[in-house]
Amino acid sequence: MKIQRRRFLQATAACSGVPFLCGGINVFGQEPRKKPFKIGICDWDVYATGDPKSLAIARELGFDGVEVTFAPEGEFSLSKPENRKLFLETAQKESVEISSFAMGILNEVPLATVESVEGWIADCIEAMAEMKVKTVLLPFFFNGDIKDNVEGRNKVIEKFKRLAPLAEKKNVVLGIESFLGAREYLAMLEKIGNKAAMIYYDVTNMFFRENMTFAEYPIYDDLEMLLKEKVVCQIHCKENYAQLGQGKIDFRRVRDLLEKYDYQGWLVAETFPWTELTEAGHWKEFLKKDVAFLRKTFNESS
């Protein structure tokens, strides 16, 4: 998620008799993904947070879809049926998809401690079902950070035990993103005990966590562990304050892991175009380079 802003059930057990998303595979009875990977962009990265104009901008820049912010209130809040219709009509008009929802507000208003947030997520689940959006990103950073907050993490687990069955009934996925490592994630999912809770994996979160430096953290081992257990619902592709491909992440290694475990989901760019390029008014060029890099890296032969 924007930085401002089970051993879990085995794959066979998790998927047994249920047409459900497992590691991005076969989403609720959909046909398996055929290459190329679909490339999305977060709406906050095109300066249109929770705004339908993000869809037109994404089309202009060459992305396949947008991760749209679900806000419980506001002019374009998707808690309002008329706005759901507006977003769907705009997506159709612009020939782009809504790759997922995101609830960035959880970074400010924590699920663990604020009673109303559980209701907001329930509303989001209803909107997802109506709009046929399969995944929502639920972030746990800043006020909602659960990395070193065992009490808060346990409260989140208890609330997920109520929310995940609602999501399962609607055939949607609640994607957890945090600073947790793979083993911590798997332990958390095992306690939740419902396949509608999965991991939204961001390739730079743990690097950022380690004193905001690119410390030696085994992100590729973490990602492989989670992919092997079939609990990854979606991927954020990001470099901290750098153009994709010009930072520390080995995206070809990420691609090889996704192909090894037959990941079928979206790749969503979460980039940071508010560098000098943004100040100079060239953020669109920045994002065009990002999407071009992702297409070349993930969808072209080595």
C-alpha atoms as a PDB file:
ATOM      1  CA  MET A   1       0.000   0.000   0.000  1.00  0.00           C
ATOM      2  CA  LYS A   2       1.149   3.576  -0.472  1.00  0.00           C
ATOM      3  CA  ILE A   3       3.610   4.332   2.324  1.00  0.00           C
ATOM      4  CA  GLN A   4       1.811   7.472   3.278  1.00  0.00           C
ATOM      5  CA  ARG A   5      -1.217   6.800   3.275  1.00  0.00           C
ATOM      6  CA  ARG A   6      -1.949 -21.415   6.629  1.00  0.00           C
ATOM      7  CA  ARG A   7       1.370 -23.544   7.418  1.00  0.00           C
ATOM      8  CA  PHE A   8      -2.142 -22.574   6.341  1.00  0.00           C
ATOM      9  CA  LEU A   9      -4.482 -25.050   4.724  1.00  0.00           C
ATOM     10  CA  GLN A  10      -2.643 -27.015   2.086  1.00  0.00           C
ATOM     11  CA  ALA A  11      -3.545 -26.202  -1.486  1.00  0.00           C
ATOM     12  CA  THR A  12      -5.541 -29.370  -1.986  1.00  0.00           C
ATOM     13  CA  ALA A  13      -7.508 -28.821   1.205  1.00  0.00           C
ATOM     14  CA  ALA A  14      -8.034 -25.141   0.488  1.00  0.00           C
ATOM     15  CA  CYS A  15      -9.383 -25.782  -2.971  1.00  0.00           C
ATOM     16  CA  SER A  16     -11.163 -29.074  -2.387  1.00  0.00           C
ATOM     17  CA  GLY A  17     -14.540 -28.951  -4.052  1.00  0.00           C
ATOM     18  CA  VAL A  18     -14.594 -25.144  -4.076  1.00  0.00           C
ATOM     19  CA  PRO A  19     -14.244 -23.014  -7.224  1.00  0.00           C
ATOM     20  CA  PHE A  20     -12.048 -20.513  -5.436  1.00  0.00           C
ATOM     21  CA  LEU A  21      -8.972 -18.438  -6.044  1.00  0.00           C
ATOM     22  CA  CYS A  22      -5.854 -20.211  -4.818  1.00  0.00           C
ATOM     23  CA  GLY A  23      -2.650 -18.280  -5.428  1.00  0.00           C
ATOM     24  CA  GLY A  24      -4.356 -16.526  -8.281  1.00  0.00           C
ATOM     25  CA  ILE A  25      -5.344 -19.863  -9.856  1.00  0.00           C
ATOM     26  CA  ASN A  26      -8.814 -20.465 -11.297  1.00  0.00           C
ATOM     27  CA  VAL A  27     -10.747 -17.588  -9.780  1.00  0.00           C
ATOM     28  CA  PHE A  28     -14.141 -18.907  -8.852  1.00  0.00           C
ATOM     29  CA  GLY A  29     -14.467 -21.135 -11.894  1.00  0.00           C
ATOM     30  CA  GLN A  30     -12.833 -18.764 -14.380  1.00  0.00           C
ATOM     31  CA  GLU A  31     -10.567 -20.299 -16.983  1.00  0.00           C
ATOM     32  CA  PRO A  32      -6.878 -20.287 -16.007  1.00  0.00           C
ATOM     33  CA  ARG A  33      -5.000 -17.185 -17.109  1.00  0.00           C
ATOM     34  CA  LYS A  34      -3.354 -17.314 -20.472  1.00  0.00           C
ATOM     35  CA  LYS A  35      -0.377 -15.058 -20.976  1.00  0.00           C
ATOM     36  CA  PRO A  36       0.192 -12.187 -20.952  1.00  0.00           C
ATOM     37  CA  PHE A  37      -0.028 -11.108 -17.348  1.00  0.00           C
ATOM     38  CA  LYS A  38      -2.460  -8.258 -16.847  1.00  0.00           C
ATOM     39  CA  ILE A  39      -0.807  -5.082 -15.616  1.00  0.00           C
ATOM     40  CA  GLY A  40      -2.681  -2.655 -13.362  1.00  0.00           C
ATOM     41  CA  ILE A  41      -1.933   0.640 -11.627  1.00  0.00           C
ATOM     42  CA  CYS A  42      -3.070   2.030  -8.282  1.00  0.00           C
ATOM     43  CA  ASP A  43      -5.451   4.969  -8.593  1.00  0.00           C
ATOM     44  CA  TRP A  44      -3.426   7.033  -6.104  1.00  0.00           C
ATOM     45  CA  ASP A  45      -0.444   6.795  -8.449  1.00  0.00           C
ATOM     46  CA  VAL A  46      -2.367   8.587 -11.193  1.00  0.00           C
ATOM     47  CA  TYR A  47      -3.503  11.318  -8.812  1.00  0.00           C
ATOM     48  CA  ALA A  48      -7.128  10.154  -8.933  1.00  0.00           C
ATOM     49  CA  THR A  49      -7.712   8.353  -5.650  1.00  0.00           C
ATOM     50  CA  GLY A  50     -11.230   6.912  -5.596  1.00  0.00           C
ATOM     51  CA  ASP A  51     -12.081   8.834  -8.755  1.00  0.00           C
ATOM     52  CA  PRO A  52     -13.455   7.238 -11.959  1.00  0.00           C
ATOM     53  CA  LYS A  53     -11.158   9.414 -14.058  1.00  0.00           C
ATOM     54  CA  SER A  54      -8.356   7.061 -12.988  1.00  0.00           C
ATOM     55  CA  LEU A  55      -9.703   4.575 -15.529  1.00  0.00           C
ATOM     56  CA  ALA A  56      -9.268   6.949 -18.457  1.00  0.00           C
ATOM     57  CA  ILE A  57      -5.768   7.867 -17.302  1.00  0.00           C
ATOM     58  CA  ALA A  58      -4.827   4.195 -17.009  1.00  0.00           C
ATOM     59  CA  ARG A  59      -5.990   3.564 -20.576  1.00  0.00           C
ATOM     60  CA  GLU A  60      -4.010   6.573 -21.796  1.00  0.00           C
ATOM     61  CA  LEU A  61      -0.849   5.273 -20.118  1.00  0.00           C
ATOM     62  CA  GLY A  62      -1.243   1.709 -21.390  1.00  0.00           C
ATOM     63  CA  PHE A  63      -2.348  -0.190 -18.288  1.00  0.00           C
ATOM     64  CA  ASP A  64      -4.927  -2.974 -18.401  1.00  0.00           C
ATOM     65  CA  GLY A  65      -6.715  -1.984 -15.227  1.00  0.00           C
ATOM     66  CA  VAL A  66      -6.868   0.060 -12.053  1.00  0.00           C
ATOM     67  CA  GLU A  67      -6.774  -0.775  -8.373  1.00  0.00           C
ATOM     68  CA  VAL A  68      -9.602   1.462  -7.225  1.00  0.00           C
ATOM     69  CA  THR A  69      -9.841   2.955  -3.758  1.00  0.00           C
ATOM     70  CA  PHE A  70     -12.936   1.954  -1.798  1.00  0.00           C
ATOM     71  CA  ALA A  71     -13.763   4.799   0.552  1.00  0.00           C
ATOM     72  CA  PRO A  72     -16.736   4.503   2.928  1.00  0.00           C
ATOM     73  CA  GLU A  73     -17.690   8.128   2.303  1.00  0.00           C
ATOM     74  CA  GLY A  74     -17.148  10.847  -0.275  1.00  0.00           C
ATOM     75  CA  GLU A  75     -18.311  12.016  -3.677  1.00  0.00           C
ATOM     76  CA  PHE A  76     -17.384   8.801  -5.499  1.00  0.00           C
ATOM     77  CA  SER A  77     -17.690   6.381  -2.603  1.00  0.00           C
ATOM     78  CA  LEU A  78     -18.431   2.867  -3.816  1.00  0.00           C
ATOM     79  CA  SER A  79     -20.698   2.365  -0.850  1.00  0.00           C
ATOM     80  CA  LYS A  80     -23.229   4.230  -3.032  1.00  0.00           C
ATOM     81  CA  PRO A  81     -24.930   2.075  -5.717  1.00  0.00           C
ATOM     82  CA  GLU A  82     -24.969   4.931  -8.224  1.00  0.00           C
ATOM     83  CA  ASN A  83     -21.176   5.205  -8.039  1.00  0.00           C
ATOM     84  CA  ARG A  84     -20.749   1.485  -8.600  1.00  0.00           C
ATOM     85  CA  LYS A  85     -22.699   1.914 -11.828  1.00  0.00           C
ATOM     86  CA  LEU A  86     -20.603   4.954 -12.755  1.00  0.00           C
ATOM     87  CA  PHE A  87     -17.304   3.096 -12.321  1.00  0.00           C
ATOM     88  CA  LEU A  88     -18.521   0.081 -14.281  1.00  0.00           C
ATOM     89  CA  GLU A  89     -19.784   2.231 -17.140  1.00  0.00           C
ATOM     90  CA  THR A  90     -16.531   4.209 -17.208  1.00  0.00           C
ATOM     91  CA  ALA A  91     -14.432   1.047 -17.234  1.00  0.00           C
ATOM     92  CA  GLN A  92     -16.442  -0.304 -20.149  1.00  0.00           C
ATOM     93  CA  LYS A  93     -16.158   2.983 -22.006  1.00  0.00           C
ATOM     94  CA  GLU A  94     -12.392   3.149 -21.510  1.00  0.00           C
ATOM     95  CA  SER A  95     -11.859  -0.580 -22.195  1.00  0.00           C
ATOM     96  CA  VAL A  96      -9.994  -1.108 -18.938  1.00  0.00           C
ATOM     97  CA  GLU A  97     -10.765  -3.313 -15.946  1.00  0.00           C
ATOM     98  CA  ILE A  98     -11.030  -2.792 -12.226  1.00  0.00           C
ATOM     99  CA  SER A  99      -8.267  -5.120 -11.106  1.00  0.00           C
ATOM    100  CA  SER A 100      -9.105  -4.822  -7.426  1.00  0.00           C
ATOM    101  CA  PHE A 101     -10.230  -2.500  -4.663  1.00  0.00           C
ATOM    102  CA  ALA A 102      -8.022  -1.030  -1.949  1.00  0.00           C
ATOM    103  CA  MET A 103      -8.995   0.355   1.447  1.00  0.00           C
ATOM    104  CA  GLY A 104      -6.123   2.683   2.290  1.00  0.00           C
ATOM    105  CA  ILE A 105      -8.200   4.227   5.038  1.00  0.00           C
ATOM    106  CA  LEU A 106      -7.253   1.245   7.228  1.00  0.00           C
ATOM    107  CA  ASN A 107      -3.790   2.784   7.593  1.00  0.00           C
ATOM    108  CA  GLU A 108      -5.390   5.721   9.385  1.00  0.00           C
ATOM    109  CA  VAL A 109      -8.437   4.056  10.970  1.00  0.00           C
ATOM    110  CA  PRO A 110      -7.346   0.623  12.185  1.00  0.00           C
ATOM    111  CA  LEU A 111      -9.520  -2.449  11.885  1.00  0.00           C
ATOM    112  CA  ALA A 112      -8.130  -3.698  15.203  1.00  0.00           C
ATOM    113  CA  THR A 113      -9.441  -0.821  17.308  1.00  0.00           C
ATOM    114  CA  VAL A 114     -12.212   1.025  15.458  1.00  0.00           C
ATOM    115  CA  GLU A 115     -15.557  -0.744  15.536  1.00  0.00           C
ATOM    116  CA  SER A 116     -17.021   0.892  12.424  1.00  0.00           C
ATOM    117  CA  VAL A 117     -14.246  -0.433  10.123  1.00  0.00           C
ATOM    118  CA  GLU A 118     -15.643  -3.963  10.147  1.00  0.00           C
ATOM    119  CA  GLY A 119     -18.886  -2.585   8.718  1.00  0.00           C
ATOM    120  CA  TRP A 120     -16.973  -0.688   6.044  1.00  0.00           C
ATOM    121  CA  ILE A 121     -15.287  -3.893   4.908  1.00  0.00           C
ATOM    122  CA  ALA A 122     -18.653  -5.680   4.874  1.00  0.00           C
ATOM    123  CA  ASP A 123     -19.970  -2.890   2.611  1.00  0.00           C
ATOM    124  CA  CYS A 124     -16.922  -3.294   0.386  1.00  0.00           C
ATOM    125  CA  ILE A 125     -17.616  -7.022   0.084  1.00  0.00           C
ATOM    126  CA  GLU A 126     -21.132  -6.215  -1.143  1.00  0.00           C
ATOM    127  CA  ALA A 127     -19.760  -3.765  -3.712  1.00  0.00           C
ATOM    128  CA  MET A 128     -17.193  -6.318  -4.896  1.00  0.00           C
ATOM    129  CA  ALA A 129     -19.862  -8.940  -5.447  1.00  0.00           C
ATOM    130  CA  GLU A 130     -22.075  -6.508  -7.345  1.00  0.00           C
ATOM    131  CA  MET A 131     -19.224  -5.191  -9.503  1.00  0.00           C
ATOM    132  CA  LYS A 132     -17.531  -8.587  -9.973  1.00  0.00           C
ATOM    133  CA  VAL A 133     -14.284  -7.388  -8.436  1.00  0.00           C
ATOM    134  CA  LYS A 134     -12.522 -10.389  -6.897  1.00  0.00           C
ATOM    135  CA  THR A 135      -9.909  -8.861  -4.592  1.00  0.00           C
ATOM    136  CA  VAL A 136      -9.679  -6.063  -2.073  1.00  0.00           C
ATOM    137  CA  LEU A 137      -6.389  -4.909  -0.611  1.00  0.00           C
ATOM    138  CA  LEU A 138      -6.608  -4.431   3.164  1.00  0.00           C
ATOM    139  CA  PRO A 139      -3.395  -2.733   4.338  1.00  0.00           C
ATOM    140  CA  PHE A 140      -1.959  -2.755   7.854  1.00  0.00           C
ATOM    141  CA  PHE A 141       0.567   0.061   8.112  1.00  0.00           C
ATOM    142  CA  PHE A 142       0.994   3.200  10.220  1.00  0.00           C
ATOM    143  CA  ASN A 143      -1.887   3.397  12.720  1.00  0.00           C
ATOM    144  CA  GLY A 144      -2.947  -0.100  11.681  1.00  0.00           C
ATOM    145  CA  ASP A 145       0.517  -1.732  11.755  1.00  0.00           C
ATOM    146  CA  ILE A 146       0.374  -5.293  13.136  1.00  0.00           C
ATOM    147  CA  LYS A 147       4.020  -6.313  12.669  1.00  0.00           C
ATOM    148  CA  ASP A 148       5.095  -5.733  16.270  1.00  0.00           C
ATOM    149  CA  ASN A 149       1.603  -5.455  17.714  1.00  0.00           C
ATOM    150  CA  VAL A 150       0.558  -8.959  18.779  1.00  0.00           C
ATOM    151  CA  GLU A 151      -2.572  -7.711  20.543  1.00  0.00           C
ATOM    152  CA  GLY A 152      -3.643  -5.755  17.480  1.00  0.00           C
ATOM    153  CA  ARG A 153      -2.905  -8.693  15.192  1.00  0.00           C
ATOM    154  CA  ASN A 154      -5.056 -10.983  17.350  1.00  0.00           C
ATOM    155  CA  LYS A 155      -7.929  -8.493  17.183  1.00  0.00           C
ATOM    156  CA  VAL A 156      -7.595  -8.364  13.399  1.00  0.00           C
ATOM    157  CA  ILE A 157      -7.673 -12.179  13.285  1.00  0.00           C
ATOM    158  CA  GLU A 158     -10.892 -12.259  15.325  1.00  0.00           C
ATOM    159  CA  LYS A 159     -12.539  -9.766  12.967  1.00  0.00           C
ATOM    160  CA  PHE A 160     -11.357 -11.683   9.919  1.00  0.00           C
ATOM    161  CA  LYS A 161     -13.027 -14.771  11.377  1.00  0.00           C
ATOM    162  CA  ARG A 162     -16.316 -12.893  10.934  1.00  0.00           C
ATOM    163  CA  LEU A 163     -15.511 -11.101   7.676  1.00  0.00           C
ATOM    164  CA  ALA A 164     -13.918 -13.954   5.724  1.00  0.00           C
ATOM    165  CA  PRO A 165     -17.086 -16.115   5.733  1.00  0.00           C
ATOM    166  CA  LEU A 166     -18.986 -13.132   4.292  1.00  0.00           C
ATOM    167  CA  ALA A 167     -16.369 -12.815   1.556  1.00  0.00           C
ATOM    168  CA  GLU A 168     -16.428 -16.559   0.897  1.00  0.00           C
ATOM    169  CA  LYS A 169     -20.202 -16.498   0.397  1.00  0.00           C
ATOM    170  CA  LYS A 170     -19.766 -13.715  -2.156  1.00  0.00           C
ATOM    171  CA  ASN A 171     -16.816 -15.423  -3.885  1.00  0.00           C
ATOM    172  CA  VAL A 172     -14.409 -12.578  -3.187  1.00  0.00           C
ATOM    173  CA  VAL A 173     -10.987 -12.355  -1.519  1.00  0.00           C
ATOM    174  CA  LEU A 174      -9.702 -10.235   1.349  1.00  0.00           C
ATOM    175  CA  GLY A 175      -6.027  -9.525   0.618  1.00  0.00           C
ATOM    176  CA  ILE A 176      -3.870  -8.782   3.656  1.00  0.00           C
ATOM    177  CA  GLU A 177      -0.847  -6.522   3.116  1.00  0.00           C
ATOM    178  CA  SER A 178       1.530  -5.698   5.932  1.00  0.00           C
ATOM    179  CA  PHE A 179       5.142  -5.846   7.095  1.00  0.00           C
ATOM    180  CA  LEU A 180       4.723  -9.486   8.169  1.00  0.00           C
ATOM    181  CA  GLY A 181       7.106 -12.134   6.882  1.00  0.00           C
ATOM    182  CA  ALA A 182       5.889 -15.314   5.186  1.00  0.00           C
ATOM    183  CA  ARG A 183       5.872 -17.476   8.311  1.00  0.00           C
ATOM    184  CA  GLU A 184       3.968 -14.808  10.232  1.00  0.00           C
ATOM    185  CA  TYR A 185       1.476 -14.534   7.383  1.00  0.00           C
ATOM    186  CA  LEU A 186       0.938 -18.298   7.278  1.00  0.00           C
ATOM    187  CA  ALA A 187       0.415 -18.470  11.023  1.00  0.00           C
ATOM    188  CA  MET A 188      -2.118 -15.654  10.786  1.00  0.00           C
ATOM    189  CA  LEU A 189      -4.020 -17.319   7.946  1.00  0.00           C
ATOM    190  CA  GLU A 190      -4.086 -20.619   9.811  1.00  0.00           C
ATOM    191  CA  LYS A 191      -5.724 -18.907  12.782  1.00  0.00           C
ATOM    192  CA  ILE A 192      -8.299 -17.197  10.539  1.00  0.00           C
ATOM    193  CA  GLY A 193      -9.031 -20.566   8.992  1.00  0.00           C
ATOM    194  CA  ASN A 194     -10.890 -19.396   5.901  1.00  0.00           C
ATOM    195  CA  LYS A 195      -9.591 -19.421   2.319  1.00  0.00           C
ATOM    196  CA  ALA A 196     -11.234 -16.067   1.576  1.00  0.00           C
ATOM    197  CA  ALA A 197      -8.371 -14.487   3.551  1.00  0.00           C
ATOM    198  CA  MET A 198      -5.193 -14.387   1.462  1.00  0.00           C
ATOM    199  CA  ILE A 199      -1.994 -12.395   1.078  1.00  0.00           C
ATOM    200  CA  TYR A 200      -1.531  -9.367  -1.131  1.00  0.00           C
ATOM    201  CA  TYR A 201       2.238  -9.503  -1.602  1.00  0.00           C
ATOM    202  CA  ASP A 202       4.271  -6.342  -2.099  1.00  0.00           C
ATOM    203  CA  VAL A 203       7.847  -7.052  -3.147  1.00  0.00           C
ATOM    204  CA  THR A 204       9.379  -4.108  -1.265  1.00  0.00           C
ATOM    205  CA  ASN A 205       7.510  -3.980   2.035  1.00  0.00           C
ATOM    206  CA  MET A 206      10.105  -5.866   4.052  1.00  0.00           C
ATOM    207  CA  PHE A 207      12.954  -3.912   2.507  1.00  0.00           C
ATOM    208  CA  PHE A 208      11.181  -0.759   3.569  1.00  0.00           C
ATOM    209  CA  ARG A 209      10.575  -2.198   7.016  1.00  0.00           C
ATOM    210  CA  GLU A 210      14.273  -2.779   7.664  1.00  0.00           C
ATOM    211  CA  ASN A 211      15.171   0.753   8.705  1.00  0.00           C
ATOM    212  CA  MET A 212      14.048   2.078   5.334  1.00  0.00           C
ATOM    213  CA  THR A 213      17.090   0.508   3.661  1.00  0.00           C
ATOM    214  CA  PHE A 214      17.456  -2.429   1.312  1.00  0.00           C
ATOM    215  CA  ALA A 215      18.670  -4.722   4.055  1.00  0.00           C
ATOM    216  CA  GLU A 216      19.273  -8.368   3.347  1.00  0.00           C
ATOM    217  CA  TYR A 217      15.760  -9.755   3.644  1.00  0.00           C
ATOM    218  CA  PRO A 218      14.799 -12.961   1.768  1.00  0.00           C
ATOM    219  CA  ILE A 219      11.822 -11.600  -0.134  1.00  0.00           C
ATOM    220  CA  TYR A 220      12.166 -14.223  -2.873  1.00  0.00           C
ATOM    221  CA  ASP A 221      12.140 -17.023  -0.289  1.00  0.00           C
ATOM    222  CA  ASP A 222       9.087 -15.418   1.336  1.00  0.00           C
ATOM    223  CA  LEU A 223       7.289 -15.046  -1.955  1.00  0.00           C
ATOM    224  CA  GLU A 224       8.089 -18.647  -2.944  1.00  0.00           C
ATOM    225  CA  MET A 225       6.839 -19.949   0.402  1.00  0.00           C
ATOM    226  CA  LEU A 226       3.545 -18.124   0.001  1.00  0.00           C
ATOM    227  CA  LEU A 227       3.135 -19.093  -3.659  1.00  0.00           C
ATOM    228  CA  LYS A 228       3.835 -22.722  -2.789  1.00  0.00           C
ATOM    229  CA  GLU A 229       1.056 -22.619  -0.190  1.00  0.00           C
ATOM    230  CA  LYS A 230      -1.273 -21.025  -2.765  1.00  0.00           C
ATOM    231  CA  VAL A 231      -2.205 -18.038  -0.610  1.00  0.00           C
ATOM    232  CA  VAL A 232      -1.108 -15.109  -2.811  1.00  0.00           C
ATOM    233  CA  CYS A 233      -4.086 -13.298  -4.302  1.00  0.00           C
ATOM    234  CA  GLN A 234      -2.296 -10.376  -5.936  1.00  0.00           C
ATOM    235  CA  ILE A 235       1.132  -8.751  -6.380  1.00  0.00           C
ATOM    236  CA  HIS A 236       2.289  -5.159  -5.991  1.00  0.00           C
ATOM    237  CA  CYS A 237       5.270  -4.338  -8.210  1.00  0.00           C
ATOM    238  CA  LYS A 238       7.219  -1.506  -6.658  1.00  0.00           C
ATOM    239  CA  GLU A 239      10.608   0.076  -6.149  1.00  0.00           C
ATOM    240  CA  ASN A 240      10.888   2.505  -3.271  1.00  0.00           C
ATOM    241  CA  TYR A 241      11.275   5.903  -4.876  1.00  0.00           C
ATOM    242  CA  ALA A 242      12.771   4.571  -8.101  1.00  0.00           C
ATOM    243  CA  GLN A 243      11.672   3.710 -11.615  1.00  0.00           C
ATOM    244  CA  LEU A 244      10.721   0.051 -11.923  1.00  0.00           C
ATOM    245  CA  GLY A 245      13.776  -1.902 -13.038  1.00  0.00           C
ATOM    246  CA  GLN A 246      16.185   0.704 -11.706  1.00  0.00           C
ATOM    247  CA  GLY A 247      16.104  -0.271  -8.050  1.00  0.00           C
ATOM    248  CA  LYS A 248      16.928  -3.301  -5.947  1.00  0.00           C
ATOM    249  CA  ILE A 249      14.171  -5.720  -6.993  1.00  0.00           C
ATOM    250  CA  ASP A 250      15.058  -8.544  -9.393  1.00  0.00           C
ATOM    251  CA  PHE A 251      11.772  -8.646 -11.266  1.00  0.00           C
ATOM    252  CA  ARG A 252      12.896 -11.464 -13.576  1.00  0.00           C
ATOM    253  CA  ARG A 253      13.407 -13.584 -10.477  1.00  0.00           C
ATOM    254  CA  VAL A 254       9.909 -12.600  -9.341  1.00  0.00           C
ATOM    255  CA  ARG A 255       8.566 -13.560 -12.773  1.00  0.00           C
ATOM    256  CA  ASP A 256      10.289 -16.954 -12.637  1.00  0.00           C
ATOM    257  CA  LEU A 257       8.646 -17.675  -9.275  1.00  0.00           C
ATOM    258  CA  LEU A 258       5.219 -16.646 -10.527  1.00  0.00           C
ATOM    259  CA  GLU A 259       5.593 -18.906 -13.557  1.00  0.00           C
ATOM    260  CA  LYS A 260       6.958 -21.794 -11.456  1.00  0.00           C
ATOM    261  CA  TYR A 261       3.855 -21.779  -9.248  1.00  0.00           C
ATOM    262  CA  ASP A 262       1.420 -20.864 -12.054  1.00  0.00           C
ATOM    263  CA  TYR A 263       0.312 -17.570 -10.557  1.00  0.00           C
ATOM    264  CA  GLN A 264      -2.717 -16.390 -12.476  1.00  0.00           C
ATOM    265  CA  GLY A 265      -3.470 -12.998 -10.971  1.00  0.00           C
ATOM    266  CA  TRP A 266      -2.816  -9.359 -11.700  1.00  0.00           C
ATOM    267  CA  LEU A 267       0.443  -7.490 -11.370  1.00  0.00           C
ATOM    268  CA  VAL A 268      -0.345  -4.052  -9.993  1.00  0.00           C
ATOM    269  CA  ALA A 269       2.250  -1.325 -10.229  1.00  0.00           C
ATOM    270  CA  GLU A 270       2.502   0.780  -7.110  1.00  0.00           C
ATOM    271  CA  THR A 271       5.076   3.278  -8.116  1.00  0.00           C
ATOM    272  CA  PHE A 272       6.189   6.600  -6.732  1.00  0.00           C
ATOM    273  CA  PRO A 273       6.003   9.207  -9.496  1.00  0.00           C
ATOM    274  CA  TRP A 274       6.225  12.118  -7.076  1.00  0.00           C
ATOM    275  CA  THR A 275       9.993  12.439  -7.578  1.00  0.00           C
ATOM    276  CA  GLU A 276      11.753  15.092  -9.628  1.00  0.00           C
ATOM    277  CA  LEU A 277       9.797  13.806 -12.636  1.00  0.00           C
ATOM    278  CA  THR A 278       6.544  14.719 -10.963  1.00  0.00           C
ATOM    279  CA  GLU A 279       7.821  18.097  -9.916  1.00  0.00           C
ATOM    280  CA  ALA A 280       8.785  18.685 -13.529  1.00  0.00           C
ATOM    281  CA  GLY A 281       5.334  17.628 -14.686  1.00  0.00           C
ATOM    282  CA  HIS A 282       6.468  14.381 -16.296  1.00  0.00           C
ATOM    283  CA  TRP A 283       4.774  11.787 -14.076  1.00  0.00           C
ATOM    284  CA  LYS A 284       2.879  10.278 -16.999  1.00  0.00           C
ATOM    285  CA  GLU A 285       6.153   9.560 -18.780  1.00  0.00           C
ATOM    286  CA  PHE A 286       7.398   7.931 -15.567  1.00  0.00           C
ATOM    287  CA  LEU A 287       4.391   5.609 -15.472  1.00  0.00           C
ATOM    288  CA  LYS A 288       4.593   4.799 -19.175  1.00  0.00           C
ATOM    289  CA  LYS A 289       8.149   3.569 -18.587  1.00  0.00           C
ATOM    290  CA  ASP A 290       6.926   1.470 -15.654  1.00  0.00           C
ATOM    291  CA  VAL A 291       4.213  -0.295 -17.628  1.00  0.00           C
ATOM    292  CA  ALA A 292       6.594  -0.835 -20.543  1.00  0.00           C
ATOM    293  CA  PHE A 293       9.142  -2.388 -18.170  1.00  0.00           C
ATOM    294  CA  LEU A 294       6.554  -4.727 -16.646  1.00  0.00           C
ATOM    295  CA  ARG A 295       5.287  -5.878 -20.042  1.00  0.00           C
ATOM    296  CA  LYS A 296       8.815  -6.541 -21.296  1.00  0.00           C
ATOM    297  CA  THR A 297       9.884  -8.312 -18.094  1.00  0.00           C
ATOM    298  CA  PHE A 298       6.811 -10.468 -17.480  1.00  0.00           C
ATOM    299  CA  ASN A 299       5.319 -10.970 -20.924  1.00  0.00           C
ATOM    300  CA  GLU A 300       8.287 -11.301 -23.256  1.00  0.00           C
ATOM    301  CA  SER A 301      10.651 -14.272 -23.482  1.00  0.00           C
ATOM    302  CA  SER A 302      14.070 -13.881 -21.913  1.00  0.00           C
END
